[in-house]
Amino acid sequence: MVGRNGGVVGRNGGGPADTRAAAVLAVRDDATCRVREILDRVGDKWTLAVVSELGRGSHRFTELRRAVPGISQRMLTSTLRGLERDGLVRRTVHPVVPPRVDYELTELGRTLLDTAWALMSWALEHLDQIDDARREYDGR
């Protein structure tokens, strides 16, 4: 039950058990929100393609851009920054002229590879069924 101030109130009107329940719900809601943020990252348009390509080994920016068809320079930069921020990609700047930057998966990023490949494999396996379902839906 929700009280006047928006908090969770139990049958006994807000005793210690209700406070604990509210705390558990708040932690769960925070974890759910954080999980959603991570799923938004890995479920965006480009992340799985970039992670999959980096699973083949370290790449320079231009190599990676060529290896991921259709990705713009801006989107690749944004995707790599997000992956780096989340600890999935390591960016190494080599002190040479001209500057050289390599991108590679971290150990954490490597743990995403099996899942990424499984999702892409599932999509490839079911392309025809999904296309049929879309045509049927759009034909209504």
Protein backbone atom coordinates (compact mmCIF):
# COMPACT_ATOMS: atom_id res chain seq x y z
CA MET A 1 0.00 0.00 0.00
CA VAL A 2 1.27 3.51 -0.76
CA GLY A 3 1.04 6.18 1.92
CA ARG A 4 0.26 9.87 1.54
CA ASN A 5 3.91 10.77 1.01
CA GLY A 6 4.38 8.10 -1.66
CA GLY A 7 6.15 5.64 0.65
CA VAL A 8 5.20 2.01 1.17
CA VAL A 9 2.88 1.50 4.15
CA GLY A 10 1.93 -1.91 5.45
CA ARG A 11 -1.05 -3.12 7.42
CA ASN A 12 0.37 -1.93 10.69
CA GLY A 13 0.68 1.64 9.51
CA GLY A 14 4.38 2.13 8.95
CA GLY A 15 6.34 0.20 11.58
CA PRO A 16 9.90 -1.15 11.27
CA ALA A 17 8.86 -4.03 9.00
CA ASP A 18 7.33 -1.54 6.59
CA THR A 19 10.52 0.54 6.62
CA ARG A 20 12.58 -2.54 5.75
CA ALA A 21 10.16 -3.45 2.96
CA ALA A 22 10.41 0.06 1.53
CA ALA A 23 14.22 -0.13 1.69
CA VAL A 24 14.23 -3.49 -0.14
CA LEU A 25 11.91 -2.09 -2.82
CA ALA A 26 14.11 0.99 -3.24
CA VAL A 27 17.25 -1.15 -3.68
CA ARG A 28 15.46 -3.41 -6.14
CA ASP A 29 14.19 -0.42 -8.10
CA ASP A 30 17.70 1.08 -8.18
CA ALA A 31 19.18 -2.22 -9.39
CA THR A 32 16.44 -2.55 -12.01
CA CYS A 33 17.19 0.96 -13.26
CA ARG A 34 20.93 0.25 -13.44
CA VAL A 35 20.33 -3.06 -15.25
CA ARG A 36 18.10 -1.21 -17.73
CA GLU A 37 20.91 1.29 -18.38
CA ILE A 38 23.33 -1.55 -19.13
CA LEU A 39 20.82 -3.29 -21.39
CA ASP A 40 20.26 0.01 -23.20
CA ARG A 41 24.01 0.15 -23.84
CA VAL A 42 24.41 -3.39 -25.16
CA GLY A 43 21.08 -3.36 -26.97
CA ASP A 44 21.63 -0.21 -29.00
CA LYS A 45 22.09 -0.27 -32.75
CA TRP A 46 25.90 -0.54 -32.87
CA THR A 47 27.30 -2.00 -29.64
CA LEU A 48 27.00 -5.70 -30.46
CA ALA A 49 28.57 -5.19 -33.88
CA VAL A 50 31.49 -3.25 -32.36
CA VAL A 51 31.96 -5.76 -29.52
CA SER A 52 31.80 -8.65 -31.97
CA GLU A 53 34.44 -7.07 -34.20
CA LEU A 54 36.70 -6.27 -31.25
CA GLY A 55 36.30 -9.91 -30.23
CA ARG A 56 38.47 -10.70 -33.25
CA GLY A 57 41.29 -8.60 -31.81
CA SER A 58 42.54 -5.07 -31.28
CA HIS A 59 41.58 -2.49 -33.93
CA ARG A 60 42.50 1.05 -34.81
CA PHE A 61 39.57 3.42 -35.21
CA THR A 62 39.61 3.45 -39.02
CA GLU A 63 39.91 -0.35 -39.21
CA LEU A 64 36.96 -0.70 -36.88
CA ARG A 65 34.90 1.79 -38.88
CA ARG A 66 35.56 -0.17 -42.09
CA ALA A 67 34.71 -3.45 -40.36
CA VAL A 68 31.30 -2.26 -39.10
CA PRO A 69 29.25 -1.43 -42.22
CA GLY A 70 27.05 1.64 -42.02
CA ILE A 71 28.42 3.12 -38.81
CA SER A 72 29.33 6.80 -39.00
CA GLN A 73 32.46 8.25 -37.46
CA ARG A 74 30.31 10.09 -34.90
CA MET A 75 28.38 6.94 -33.89
CA LEU A 76 31.53 4.84 -33.65
CA THR A 77 33.14 7.48 -31.44
CA SER A 78 30.05 7.63 -29.23
CA THR A 79 29.77 3.84 -29.02
CA LEU A 80 33.45 3.38 -28.16
CA ARG A 81 33.29 6.09 -25.49
CA GLY A 82 30.26 4.46 -23.89
CA LEU A 83 31.90 1.04 -23.96
CA GLU A 84 35.09 2.49 -22.51
CA ARG A 85 33.12 4.27 -19.77
CA ASP A 86 31.37 0.99 -18.87
CA GLY A 87 34.71 -0.84 -18.68
CA LEU A 88 34.09 -3.03 -21.72
CA VAL A 89 36.68 -1.48 -24.05
CA ARG A 90 40.24 -0.31 -23.43
CA ARG A 91 41.58 2.61 -25.46
CA THR A 92 45.37 2.70 -25.77
CA VAL A 93 47.11 5.80 -27.10
CA HIS A 94 50.61 5.03 -28.37
CA PRO A 95 53.17 7.87 -28.06
CA VAL A 96 54.17 7.94 -31.71
CA VAL A 97 53.87 10.42 -34.56
CA PRO A 98 51.37 10.32 -36.11
CA PRO A 99 49.28 9.35 -33.06
CA ARG A 100 48.08 5.77 -32.96
CA VAL A 101 45.08 4.64 -30.91
CA ASP A 102 44.04 1.02 -30.48
CA TYR A 103 40.78 -0.33 -29.09
CA GLU A 104 40.38 -3.76 -27.55
CA LEU A 105 37.96 -5.56 -25.29
CA THR A 106 38.74 -5.68 -21.59
CA GLU A 107 38.27 -8.90 -19.62
CA LEU A 108 34.80 -7.63 -18.73
CA GLY A 109 34.12 -6.92 -22.40
CA ARG A 110 35.19 -10.44 -23.33
CA THR A 111 32.53 -11.82 -20.98
CA LEU A 112 29.93 -10.15 -23.24
CA LEU A 113 31.19 -11.92 -26.38
CA ASP A 114 29.36 -15.23 -25.94
CA THR A 115 26.10 -13.40 -25.26
CA ALA A 116 26.63 -11.04 -28.21
CA TRP A 117 27.38 -13.90 -30.58
CA ALA A 118 24.42 -15.90 -29.25
CA LEU A 119 22.05 -12.97 -29.84
CA MET A 120 23.37 -12.37 -33.35
CA SER A 121 23.20 -16.08 -34.12
CA TRP A 122 19.61 -16.21 -32.84
CA ALA A 123 18.68 -13.22 -35.02
CA LEU A 124 20.25 -14.79 -38.12
CA GLU A 125 18.56 -18.11 -37.44
CA HIS A 126 15.12 -16.49 -37.11
CA LEU A 127 15.31 -13.74 -39.76
CA ASP A 128 12.77 -15.39 -42.06
CA GLN A 129 10.27 -16.05 -39.26
CA ILE A 130 10.54 -12.48 -38.03
CA ASP A 131 10.16 -11.12 -41.57
CA ASP A 132 7.04 -13.28 -42.04
CA ALA A 133 5.58 -12.08 -38.74
CA ARG A 134 6.23 -8.45 -39.67
CA ARG A 135 4.57 -8.86 -43.07
CA GLU A 136 1.56 -10.51 -41.45
CA TYR A 137 1.31 -7.75 -38.84
CA ASP A 138 1.76 -4.95 -41.37
CA GLY A 139 -0.88 -6.52 -43.64
CA ARG A 140 -3.66 -6.15 -41.07
